[in-house]
C-alpha atoms as a PDB file:
ATOM      1  CA  UNK A   1     -17.902  16.455  -2.556  1.00  0.00           C
ATOM      2  CA  UNK A   2     -17.193  13.864   0.108  1.00  0.00           C
ATOM      3  CA  UNK A   3     -15.185  10.831  -0.982  1.00  0.00           C
ATOM      4  CA  UNK A   4     -14.447   7.522   0.718  1.00  0.00           C
ATOM      5  CA  UNK A   5     -10.828   6.377   0.913  1.00  0.00           C
ATOM      6  CA  UNK A   6      -8.756   3.452   2.140  1.00  0.00           C
ATOM      7  CA  UNK A   7      -5.274   4.086   3.534  1.00  0.00           C
ATOM      8  CA  UNK A   8      -2.987   1.191   2.544  1.00  0.00           C
ATOM      9  CA  UNK A   9       0.722   0.493   2.516  1.00  0.00           C
ATOM     10  CA  UNK A  10       3.300  -1.945   1.213  1.00  0.00           C
ATOM     11  CA  UNK A  11       6.354  -1.970   3.499  1.00  0.00           C
ATOM     12  CA  UNK A  12       5.486   1.524   4.706  1.00  0.00           C
ATOM     13  CA  UNK A  13       5.116   2.974   1.193  1.00  0.00           C
ATOM     14  CA  UNK A  14       1.687   4.431   1.969  1.00  0.00           C
ATOM     15  CA  UNK A  15      -0.944   5.827  -0.344  1.00  0.00           C
ATOM     16  CA  UNK A  16      -4.532   7.024  -0.144  1.00  0.00           C
ATOM     17  CA  UNK A  17      -6.643   4.680  -2.288  1.00  0.00           C
ATOM     18  CA  UNK A  18      -9.892   5.810  -3.897  1.00  0.00           C
ATOM     19  CA  UNK A  19     -12.346   3.396  -5.515  1.00  0.00           C
ATOM     20  CA  UNK A  20     -13.227   4.978  -8.868  1.00  0.00           C
ATOM     21  CA  UNK A  21     -15.719   2.193  -9.554  1.00  0.00           C
ATOM     22  CA  UNK A  22     -18.071   4.196  -7.318  1.00  0.00           C
ATOM     23  CA  UNK A  23     -16.546   7.673  -7.000  1.00  0.00           C
ATOM     24  CA  UNK A  24     -17.113  10.577  -9.437  1.00  0.00           C
ATOM     25  CA  UNK A  25     -14.060  12.196 -10.979  1.00  0.00           C
ATOM     26  CA  UNK A  26     -12.393  15.045  -9.091  1.00  0.00           C
ATOM     27  CA  UNK A  27      -9.222  17.124  -9.360  1.00  0.00           C
ATOM     28  CA  UNK A  28      -6.725  14.314  -8.806  1.00  0.00           C
ATOM     29  CA  UNK A  29      -3.586  16.449  -8.963  1.00  0.00           C
ATOM     30  CA  UNK A  30      -4.819  19.024  -6.454  1.00  0.00           C
ATOM     31  CA  UNK A  31      -6.210  16.315  -4.174  1.00  0.00           C
ATOM     32  CA  UNK A  32      -2.897  14.428  -4.193  1.00  0.00           C
ATOM     33  CA  UNK A  33      -1.026  17.498  -2.939  1.00  0.00           C
ATOM     34  CA  UNK A  34      -3.574  18.407  -0.271  1.00  0.00           C
ATOM     35  CA  UNK A  35      -4.463  14.966   1.049  1.00  0.00           C
ATOM     36  CA  UNK A  36      -0.893  13.640   1.101  1.00  0.00           C
ATOM     37  CA  UNK A  37       0.210  16.325   3.571  1.00  0.00           C
ATOM     38  CA  UNK A  38       1.095  14.515   6.794  1.00  0.00           C
ATOM     39  CA  UNK A  39       0.202  17.483   9.006  1.00  0.00           C
ATOM     40  CA  UNK A  40      -2.861  19.000   7.350  1.00  0.00           C
ATOM     41  CA  UNK A  41      -4.199  16.100   5.265  1.00  0.00           C
ATOM     42  CA  UNK A  42      -4.650  12.365   5.555  1.00  0.00           C
ATOM     43  CA  UNK A  43      -0.947  11.763   4.967  1.00  0.00           C
ATOM     44  CA  UNK A  44       0.708   9.562   2.376  1.00  0.00           C
ATOM     45  CA  UNK A  45       3.155   9.300  -0.498  1.00  0.00           C
ATOM     46  CA  UNK A  46       0.315  10.220  -2.879  1.00  0.00           C
ATOM     47  CA  UNK A  47      -3.076   8.961  -3.983  1.00  0.00           C
ATOM     48  CA  UNK A  48      -3.810   5.852  -6.048  1.00  0.00           C
ATOM     49  CA  UNK A  49      -7.050   5.456  -7.971  1.00  0.00           C
ATOM     50  CA  UNK A  50      -8.565   1.993  -8.440  1.00  0.00           C
ATOM     51  CA  UNK A  51     -10.343   2.375 -11.777  1.00  0.00           C
ATOM     52  CA  UNK A  52     -12.385   0.227 -14.155  1.00  0.00           C
ATOM     53  CA  UNK A  53     -10.473  -1.287 -17.059  1.00  0.00           C
ATOM     54  CA  UNK A  54     -11.563  -2.805 -20.347  1.00  0.00           C
ATOM     55  CA  UNK A  55      -8.508  -5.093 -20.497  1.00  0.00           C
ATOM     56  CA  UNK A  56      -7.807  -6.058 -16.877  1.00  0.00           C
ATOM     57  CA  UNK A  57      -9.582  -6.595 -13.559  1.00  0.00           C
ATOM     58  CA  UNK A  58      -8.823  -2.966 -12.645  1.00  0.00           C
ATOM     59  CA  UNK A  59      -6.597  -0.073 -13.617  1.00  0.00           C
ATOM     60  CA  UNK A  60      -4.239   1.794 -11.303  1.00  0.00           C
ATOM     61  CA  UNK A  61      -3.535   5.521 -11.605  1.00  0.00           C
ATOM     62  CA  UNK A  62      -0.905   7.085  -9.346  1.00  0.00           C
ATOM     63  CA  UNK A  63      -0.574  10.726  -8.334  1.00  0.00           C
ATOM     64  CA  UNK A  64       2.507  11.570  -6.325  1.00  0.00           C
ATOM     65  CA  UNK A  65       2.544  13.881  -3.331  1.00  0.00           C
ATOM     66  CA  UNK A  66       3.523  16.791  -5.594  1.00  0.00           C
ATOM     67  CA  UNK A  67       0.550  16.169  -7.903  1.00  0.00           C
ATOM     68  CA  UNK A  68       2.529  14.622 -10.771  1.00  0.00           C
ATOM     69  CA  UNK A  69       1.178  11.413 -12.272  1.00  0.00           C
ATOM     70  CA  UNK A  70       3.386   8.357 -11.924  1.00  0.00           C
ATOM     71  CA  UNK A  71       3.609   5.399 -14.261  1.00  0.00           C
ATOM     72  CA  UNK A  72       4.146   2.452 -11.917  1.00  0.00           C
ATOM     73  CA  UNK A  73       4.412   1.707  -8.201  1.00  0.00           C
ATOM     74  CA  UNK A  74       5.381  -1.811  -7.158  1.00  0.00           C
ATOM     75  CA  UNK A  75       4.155  -1.457  -3.580  1.00  0.00           C
ATOM     76  CA  UNK A  76       1.058   0.344  -4.787  1.00  0.00           C
ATOM     77  CA  UNK A  77       0.057  -2.329  -7.279  1.00  0.00           C
ATOM     78  CA  UNK A  78       0.172  -5.003  -4.563  1.00  0.00           C
ATOM     79  CA  UNK A  79      -2.213  -2.875  -2.495  1.00  0.00           C
ATOM     80  CA  UNK A  80      -4.457  -2.384  -5.508  1.00  0.00           C
ATOM     81  CA  UNK A  81      -4.563  -6.161  -5.871  1.00  0.00           C
ATOM     82  CA  UNK A  82      -5.493  -6.491  -2.209  1.00  0.00           C
ATOM     83  CA  UNK A  83      -8.247  -3.890  -2.550  1.00  0.00           C
ATOM     84  CA  UNK A  84      -9.630  -5.497  -5.712  1.00  0.00           C
ATOM     85  CA  UNK A  85      -9.708  -8.900  -4.014  1.00  0.00           C
ATOM     86  CA  UNK A  86     -10.926  -7.861  -0.566  1.00  0.00           C
ATOM     87  CA  UNK A  87     -13.643  -5.528  -1.873  1.00  0.00           C
ATOM     88  CA  UNK A  88     -15.002  -8.169  -4.244  1.00  0.00           C
ATOM     89  CA  UNK A  89     -14.245  -6.311  -7.473  1.00  0.00           C
ATOM     90  CA  UNK A  90     -12.524  -9.505  -8.624  1.00  0.00           C
ATOM     91  CA  UNK A  91     -12.308 -12.398  -6.179  1.00  0.00           C
ATOM     92  CA  UNK A  92      -9.473 -14.230  -7.947  1.00  0.00           C
ATOM     93  CA  UNK A  93      -6.114 -15.573  -6.812  1.00  0.00           C
ATOM     94  CA  UNK A  94      -4.519 -14.292 -10.027  1.00  0.00           C
ATOM     95  CA  UNK A  95      -5.353 -10.698 -10.933  1.00  0.00           C
ATOM     96  CA  UNK A  96      -4.570  -8.491 -13.911  1.00  0.00           C
ATOM     97  CA  UNK A  97      -3.984  -4.815 -13.065  1.00  0.00           C
ATOM     98  CA  UNK A  98      -3.521  -2.225 -15.802  1.00  0.00           C
ATOM     99  CA  UNK A  99      -1.219   0.793 -15.431  1.00  0.00           C
ATOM    100  CA  UNK A 100       0.613   3.364 -17.537  1.00  0.00           C
ATOM    101  CA  UNK A 101       3.400   0.764 -17.656  1.00  0.00           C
ATOM    102  CA  UNK A 102       1.103  -1.922 -19.026  1.00  0.00           C
ATOM    103  CA  UNK A 103      -0.887  -4.811 -17.559  1.00  0.00           C
ATOM    104  CA  UNK A 104       0.777  -6.632 -14.663  1.00  0.00           C
ATOM    105  CA  UNK A 105      -0.103 -10.093 -13.334  1.00  0.00           C
ATOM    106  CA  UNK A 106      -0.427 -10.563  -9.574  1.00  0.00           C
ATOM    107  CA  UNK A 107      -0.409 -13.911  -7.771  1.00  0.00           C
ATOM    108  CA  UNK A 108      -2.246 -13.130  -4.541  1.00  0.00           C
ATOM    109  CA  UNK A 109      -1.563 -14.743  -1.157  1.00  0.00           C
ATOM    110  CA  UNK A 110      -4.844 -15.251   0.685  1.00  0.00           C
ATOM    111  CA  UNK A 111      -5.207 -15.850   4.424  1.00  0.00           C
ATOM    112  CA  UNK A 112      -8.556 -16.126   6.214  1.00  0.00           C
ATOM    113  CA  UNK A 113     -10.372 -14.747   3.197  1.00  0.00           C
ATOM    114  CA  UNK A 114      -8.171 -11.646   2.864  1.00  0.00           C
ATOM    115  CA  UNK A 115      -5.265 -10.850   0.547  1.00  0.00           C
ATOM    116  CA  UNK A 116      -2.096 -10.283   2.581  1.00  0.00           C
ATOM    117  CA  UNK A 117       0.667 -10.325  -0.038  1.00  0.00           C
ATOM    118  CA  UNK A 118       1.307 -10.639  -3.752  1.00  0.00           C
ATOM    119  CA  UNK A 119       3.910 -11.798  -6.217  1.00  0.00           C
ATOM    120  CA  UNK A 120       3.954  -9.364  -9.133  1.00  0.00           C
ATOM    121  CA  UNK A 121       5.319 -10.053 -12.591  1.00  0.00           C
ATOM    122  CA  UNK A 122       6.814  -6.591 -13.133  1.00  0.00           C
ATOM    123  CA  UNK A 123       7.880  -7.298 -16.710  1.00  0.00           C
ATOM    124  CA  UNK A 124      11.380  -7.124 -18.157  1.00  0.00           C
ATOM    125  CA  UNK A 125      13.917  -4.564 -16.972  1.00  0.00           C
ATOM    126  CA  UNK A 126      14.654  -1.855 -19.532  1.00  0.00           C
ATOM    127  CA  UNK A 127      18.382  -1.145 -19.795  1.00  0.00           C
ATOM    128  CA  UNK A 128      18.662   0.992 -22.946  1.00  0.00           C
ATOM    129  CA  UNK A 129      19.513   4.560 -21.867  1.00  0.00           C
ATOM    130  CA  UNK A 130      17.267   6.206 -24.468  1.00  0.00           C
ATOM    131  CA  UNK A 131      14.272   4.228 -23.193  1.00  0.00           C
ATOM    132  CA  UNK A 132      14.870   4.718 -19.459  1.00  0.00           C
ATOM    133  CA  UNK A 133      15.357   7.688 -20.222  1.00  0.00           C
ATOM    134  CA  UNK A 134      18.842   8.943 -19.324  1.00  0.00           C
ATOM    135  CA  UNK A 135      20.964  11.180 -21.533  1.00  0.00           C
ATOM    136  CA  UNK A 136      23.806   8.722 -22.034  1.00  0.00           C
ATOM    137  CA  UNK A 137      25.040   6.896 -25.142  1.00  0.00           C
ATOM    138  CA  UNK A 138      25.308   3.161 -25.636  1.00  0.00           C
ATOM    139  CA  UNK A 139      23.171   0.089 -25.051  1.00  0.00           C
ATOM    140  CA  UNK A 140      23.371   0.100 -21.234  1.00  0.00           C
ATOM    141  CA  UNK A 141      24.388   2.460 -18.434  1.00  0.00           C
ATOM    142  CA  UNK A 142      26.145   0.200 -15.914  1.00  0.00           C
ATOM    143  CA  UNK A 143      28.624   1.650 -13.434  1.00  0.00           C
ATOM    144  CA  UNK A 144      28.775   5.048 -15.158  1.00  0.00           C
ATOM    145  CA  UNK A 145      30.073   8.083 -13.221  1.00  0.00           C
ATOM    146  CA  UNK A 146      27.792  10.807 -11.888  1.00  0.00           C
ATOM    147  CA  UNK A 147      28.448  13.791  -9.646  1.00  0.00           C
ATOM    148  CA  UNK A 148      25.254  15.287  -8.276  1.00  0.00           C
ATOM    149  CA  UNK A 149      26.162  15.970  -4.648  1.00  0.00           C
ATOM    150  CA  UNK A 150      29.825  16.882  -4.875  1.00  0.00           C
ATOM    151  CA  UNK A 151      30.935  13.255  -4.690  1.00  0.00           C
ATOM    152  CA  UNK A 152      31.944  11.162  -7.703  1.00  0.00           C
ATOM    153  CA  UNK A 153      29.707   8.095  -7.666  1.00  0.00           C
ATOM    154  CA  UNK A 154      28.908   5.256 -10.040  1.00  0.00           C
ATOM    155  CA  UNK A 155      25.343   4.559 -11.050  1.00  0.00           C
ATOM    156  CA  UNK A 156      23.477   1.898 -12.959  1.00  0.00           C
ATOM    157  CA  UNK A 157      20.337   3.039 -14.759  1.00  0.00           C
ATOM    158  CA  UNK A 158      17.278   0.801 -15.087  1.00  0.00           C
ATOM    159  CA  UNK A 159      13.651   1.363 -15.993  1.00  0.00           C
ATOM    160  CA  UNK A 160      10.922  -0.756 -14.429  1.00  0.00           C
ATOM    161  CA  UNK A 161       8.248   1.322 -16.131  1.00  0.00           C
ATOM    162  CA  UNK A 162       9.796   4.395 -14.493  1.00  0.00           C
ATOM    163  CA  UNK A 163      13.419   5.599 -14.405  1.00  0.00           C
ATOM    164  CA  UNK A 164      15.875   4.580 -11.684  1.00  0.00           C
ATOM    165  CA  UNK A 165      19.493   5.414 -10.898  1.00  0.00           C
ATOM    166  CA  UNK A 166      20.980   2.787  -8.580  1.00  0.00           C
ATOM    167  CA  UNK A 167      24.082   3.796  -6.632  1.00  0.00           C
ATOM    168  CA  UNK A 168      26.012   1.248  -4.572  1.00  0.00           C
ATOM    169  CA  UNK A 169      27.540   2.620  -1.365  1.00  0.00           C
ATOM    170  CA  UNK A 170      29.925   1.179   1.198  1.00  0.00           C
ATOM    171  CA  UNK A 171      28.383   2.979   4.173  1.00  0.00           C
ATOM    172  CA  UNK A 172      25.039   2.356   5.837  1.00  0.00           C
ATOM    173  CA  UNK A 173      22.472   4.102   3.580  1.00  0.00           C
ATOM    174  CA  UNK A 174      20.723   5.330   6.716  1.00  0.00           C
ATOM    175  CA  UNK A 175      23.722   7.555   7.395  1.00  0.00           C
ATOM    176  CA  UNK A 176      23.196   9.526   4.169  1.00  0.00           C
ATOM    177  CA  UNK A 177      21.604  12.987   4.312  1.00  0.00           C
ATOM    178  CA  UNK A 178      19.011  11.927   1.778  1.00  0.00           C
ATOM    179  CA  UNK A 179      16.780  15.053   1.967  1.00  0.00           C
ATOM    180  CA  UNK A 180      19.854  17.087   0.983  1.00  0.00           C
ATOM    181  CA  UNK A 181      21.266  14.896  -1.783  1.00  0.00           C
ATOM    182  CA  UNK A 182      18.120  13.194  -3.142  1.00  0.00           C
ATOM    183  CA  UNK A 183      16.763  16.253  -5.009  1.00  0.00           C
ATOM    184  CA  UNK A 184      20.162  16.807  -6.651  1.00  0.00           C
ATOM    185  CA  UNK A 185      19.897  13.397  -8.306  1.00  0.00           C
ATOM    186  CA  UNK A 186      16.171  13.725  -9.041  1.00  0.00           C
ATOM    187  CA  UNK A 187      16.720  16.952 -10.999  1.00  0.00           C
ATOM    188  CA  UNK A 188      20.111  16.142 -12.518  1.00  0.00           C
ATOM    189  CA  UNK A 189      20.253  17.163 -16.224  1.00  0.00           C
ATOM    190  CA  UNK A 190      21.054  13.582 -17.232  1.00  0.00           C
ATOM    191  CA  UNK A 191      17.422  12.665 -16.505  1.00  0.00           C
ATOM    192  CA  UNK A 192      14.891  14.408 -18.780  1.00  0.00           C
ATOM    193  CA  UNK A 193      11.925  13.019 -16.815  1.00  0.00           C
ATOM    194  CA  UNK A 194      13.638  13.257 -13.413  1.00  0.00           C
ATOM    195  CA  UNK A 195      14.648  10.008 -11.693  1.00  0.00           C
ATOM    196  CA  UNK A 196      14.143   7.793  -8.673  1.00  0.00           C
ATOM    197  CA  UNK A 197      17.460   7.226  -6.892  1.00  0.00           C
ATOM    198  CA  UNK A 198      18.350   4.154  -4.828  1.00  0.00           C
ATOM    199  CA  UNK A 199      21.333   4.039  -2.479  1.00  0.00           C
ATOM    200  CA  UNK A 200      22.211   0.387  -1.950  1.00  0.00           C
ATOM    201  CA  UNK A 201      24.635  -1.478   0.291  1.00  0.00           C
ATOM    202  CA  UNK A 202      25.502  -5.073  -0.639  1.00  0.00           C
ATOM    203  CA  UNK A 203      25.339  -7.327   2.408  1.00  0.00           C
ATOM    204  CA  UNK A 204      26.060 -10.598   0.594  1.00  0.00           C
ATOM    205  CA  UNK A 205      25.331 -12.238  -2.750  1.00  0.00           C
ATOM    206  CA  UNK A 206      21.604 -12.542  -2.021  1.00  0.00           C
ATOM    207  CA  UNK A 207      20.913  -9.645   0.371  1.00  0.00           C
ATOM    208  CA  UNK A 208      20.811  -5.873  -0.142  1.00  0.00           C
ATOM    209  CA  UNK A 209      19.956  -2.861   1.985  1.00  0.00           C
ATOM    210  CA  UNK A 210      18.300   0.046   0.187  1.00  0.00           C
ATOM    211  CA  UNK A 211      17.170   3.593   0.817  1.00  0.00           C
ATOM    212  CA  UNK A 212      15.256   5.510  -1.844  1.00  0.00           C
ATOM    213  CA  UNK A 213      14.477   9.037  -2.970  1.00  0.00           C
ATOM    214  CA  UNK A 214      11.440   9.017  -5.288  1.00  0.00           C
ATOM    215  CA  UNK A 215      10.732  11.659  -7.867  1.00  0.00           C
ATOM    216  CA  UNK A 216       7.641  13.618  -6.891  1.00  0.00           C
ATOM    217  CA  UNK A 217       7.409  12.130  -3.398  1.00  0.00           C
ATOM    218  CA  UNK A 218      10.816  12.514  -1.719  1.00  0.00           C
ATOM    219  CA  UNK A 219      12.067   9.783   0.564  1.00  0.00           C
ATOM    220  CA  UNK A 220       9.657   6.887   0.941  1.00  0.00           C
ATOM    221  CA  UNK A 221       9.987   3.895   3.245  1.00  0.00           C
ATOM    222  CA  UNK A 222       9.908   1.508   0.324  1.00  0.00           C
ATOM    223  CA  UNK A 223       9.786   1.552  -3.467  1.00  0.00           C
ATOM    224  CA  UNK A 224       8.810  -1.622  -5.295  1.00  0.00           C
ATOM    225  CA  UNK A 225      10.087  -0.617  -8.730  1.00  0.00           C
ATOM    226  CA  UNK A 226      13.233   0.765  -7.091  1.00  0.00           C
ATOM    227  CA  UNK A 227      13.797  -2.503  -5.282  1.00  0.00           C
ATOM    228  CA  UNK A 228      13.458  -4.350  -8.589  1.00  0.00           C
ATOM    229  CA  UNK A 229      15.866  -1.926 -10.246  1.00  0.00           C
ATOM    230  CA  UNK A 230      18.358  -2.366  -7.392  1.00  0.00           C
ATOM    231  CA  UNK A 231      18.278  -6.153  -7.700  1.00  0.00           C
ATOM    232  CA  UNK A 232      18.747  -5.916 -11.463  1.00  0.00           C
ATOM    233  CA  UNK A 233      21.659  -3.504 -10.964  1.00  0.00           C
ATOM    234  CA  UNK A 234      23.208  -5.835  -8.379  1.00  0.00           C
ATOM    235  CA  UNK A 235      23.178  -8.654 -10.937  1.00  0.00           C
ATOM    236  CA  UNK A 236      24.550  -6.441 -13.705  1.00  0.00           C
ATOM    237  CA  UNK A 237      27.411  -5.343 -11.438  1.00  0.00           C
ATOM    238  CA  UNK A 238      28.216  -8.902 -10.360  1.00  0.00           C
ATOM    239  CA  UNK A 239      27.058  -8.620  -6.740  1.00  0.00           C
ATOM    240  CA  UNK A 240      24.124 -11.060  -7.033  1.00  0.00           C
ATOM    241  CA  UNK A 241      23.076 -13.839  -9.391  1.00  0.00           C
ATOM    242  CA  UNK A 242      20.309 -13.886 -11.970  1.00  0.00           C
ATOM    243  CA  UNK A 243      17.491 -16.375 -11.398  1.00  0.00           C
ATOM    244  CA  UNK A 244      17.888 -16.413  -7.606  1.00  0.00           C
ATOM    245  CA  UNK A 245      15.868 -14.712  -4.883  1.00  0.00           C
ATOM    246  CA  UNK A 246      17.380 -11.457  -3.636  1.00  0.00           C
ATOM    247  CA  UNK A 247      16.205 -10.187  -0.251  1.00  0.00           C
ATOM    248  CA  UNK A 248      16.127  -6.394   0.002  1.00  0.00           C
ATOM    249  CA  UNK A 249      15.880  -4.636   3.357  1.00  0.00           C
ATOM    250  CA  UNK A 250      13.988  -1.323   3.195  1.00  0.00           C
ATOM    251  CA  UNK A 251      13.079   1.204   5.868  1.00  0.00           C
ATOM    252  CA  UNK A 252       9.539  -0.190   5.975  1.00  0.00           C
ATOM    253  CA  UNK A 253      10.209  -3.909   5.599  1.00  0.00           C
ATOM    254  CA  UNK A 254      11.557  -6.514   3.198  1.00  0.00           C
ATOM    255  CA  UNK A 255      10.867  -7.397  -0.428  1.00  0.00           C
ATOM    256  CA  UNK A 256      12.055 -10.431  -2.383  1.00  0.00           C
ATOM    257  CA  UNK A 257      13.107  -9.907  -6.003  1.00  0.00           C
ATOM    258  CA  UNK A 258      13.994 -12.438  -8.675  1.00  0.00           C
ATOM    259  CA  UNK A 259      15.532 -11.216 -11.932  1.00  0.00           C
ATOM    260  CA  UNK A 260      15.261 -13.690 -14.820  1.00  0.00           C
ATOM    261  CA  UNK A 261      15.985 -13.554 -18.538  1.00  0.00           C
ATOM    262  CA  UNK A 262      12.292 -12.938 -19.181  1.00  0.00           C
ATOM    263  CA  UNK A 263      11.038 -10.712 -16.353  1.00  0.00           C
ATOM    264  CA  UNK A 264      11.452  -9.405 -12.819  1.00  0.00           C
ATOM    265  CA  UNK A 265       9.319 -10.840 -10.012  1.00  0.00           C
ATOM    266  CA  UNK A 266       8.591  -8.884  -6.832  1.00  0.00           C
ATOM    267  CA  UNK A 267       7.052 -10.489  -3.736  1.00  0.00           C
ATOM    268  CA  UNK A 268       5.903  -8.574  -0.690  1.00  0.00           C
ATOM    269  CA  UNK A 269       3.076  -7.691   1.708  1.00  0.00           C
ATOM    270  CA  UNK A 270       0.068  -5.412   1.315  1.00  0.00           C
ATOM    271  CA  UNK A 271      -1.856  -4.034   4.287  1.00  0.00           C
ATOM    272  CA  UNK A 272      -4.821  -1.811   5.068  1.00  0.00           C
ATOM    273  CA  UNK A 273      -4.189   0.834   7.722  1.00  0.00           C
ATOM    274  CA  UNK A 274      -7.646   2.418   7.985  1.00  0.00           C
ATOM    275  CA  UNK A 275     -10.636   3.659   6.013  1.00  0.00           C
ATOM    276  CA  UNK A 276     -12.469   6.977   6.165  1.00  0.00           C
ATOM    277  CA  UNK A 277     -14.014   9.822   4.249  1.00  0.00           C
ATOM    278  CA  UNK A 278     -12.930  13.348   3.483  1.00  0.00           C
ATOM    279  CA  UNK A 279     -14.735  16.484   2.299  1.00  0.00           C
ATOM    280  CA  UNK A 280     -12.775  17.788  -0.683  1.00  0.00           C
ATOM    281  CA  UNK A 281     -14.242  21.277  -0.414  1.00  0.00           C
ATOM    282  CA  UNK A 282     -12.469  21.646   2.941  1.00  0.00           C
ATOM    283  CA  UNK A 283      -9.262  21.669   0.887  1.00  0.00           C
ATOM    284  CA  UNK A 284     -10.551  23.967  -1.827  1.00  0.00           C
ATOM    285  CA  UNK A 285     -11.021  21.068  -4.243  1.00  0.00           C
END
């Protein structure tokens, strides 16, 4: 079977998008592994399906590069909003996109008839360890010790629909050997569903620098939910202030996060790289 795809990215967090409004079902897990390969496939952090929904303008399903299904992707949902708007599925400035983490509201930024960015209401941050989940007692996990890579560090755990461990570092995060230490956090026994790990340097009270290791995908150039989690953690640890914009520098660009008593807002770009088609049988699918 030959399928059409659109390659899109938010701050370099790139996925292969498939319009399931007009594409028959296929083996999503196997396709995610094969097509995400940057040498032998299309290349990406995974595949995202744009699906019909009976309670929103569209539904997003995410399959990571290792074939596992994800619950939420902040950069991905902005791109889904762009696809839904640009393709005419729903030509609205405010879109509702369903996901395994619930329905999210997107305020689209439109320029010359195309969606170029979105502000996403990501919902409230989840801080209860049992709900994140992380195997720790208490009502929150803020500044708790962890040793995954031979170094005693302090982490703050947050769920934005998926689990995150935020670790503040003094050095430039780019200097970390992330491919070596990232998997040690991802598979640490404290995290029953694995974890996304953010290494964050505080620049000032409204600016952060972040590097991320995502469960199922490895290092990505940006992570929307991870950026939200990092901003929340920065507030909880007293580095930034609630209710104010926090600029986060990522490998692939910048996102702006605002953590309020009610929710977490994420604002950032969405871009189309290219479109094409692929014969799944060439990959044994």
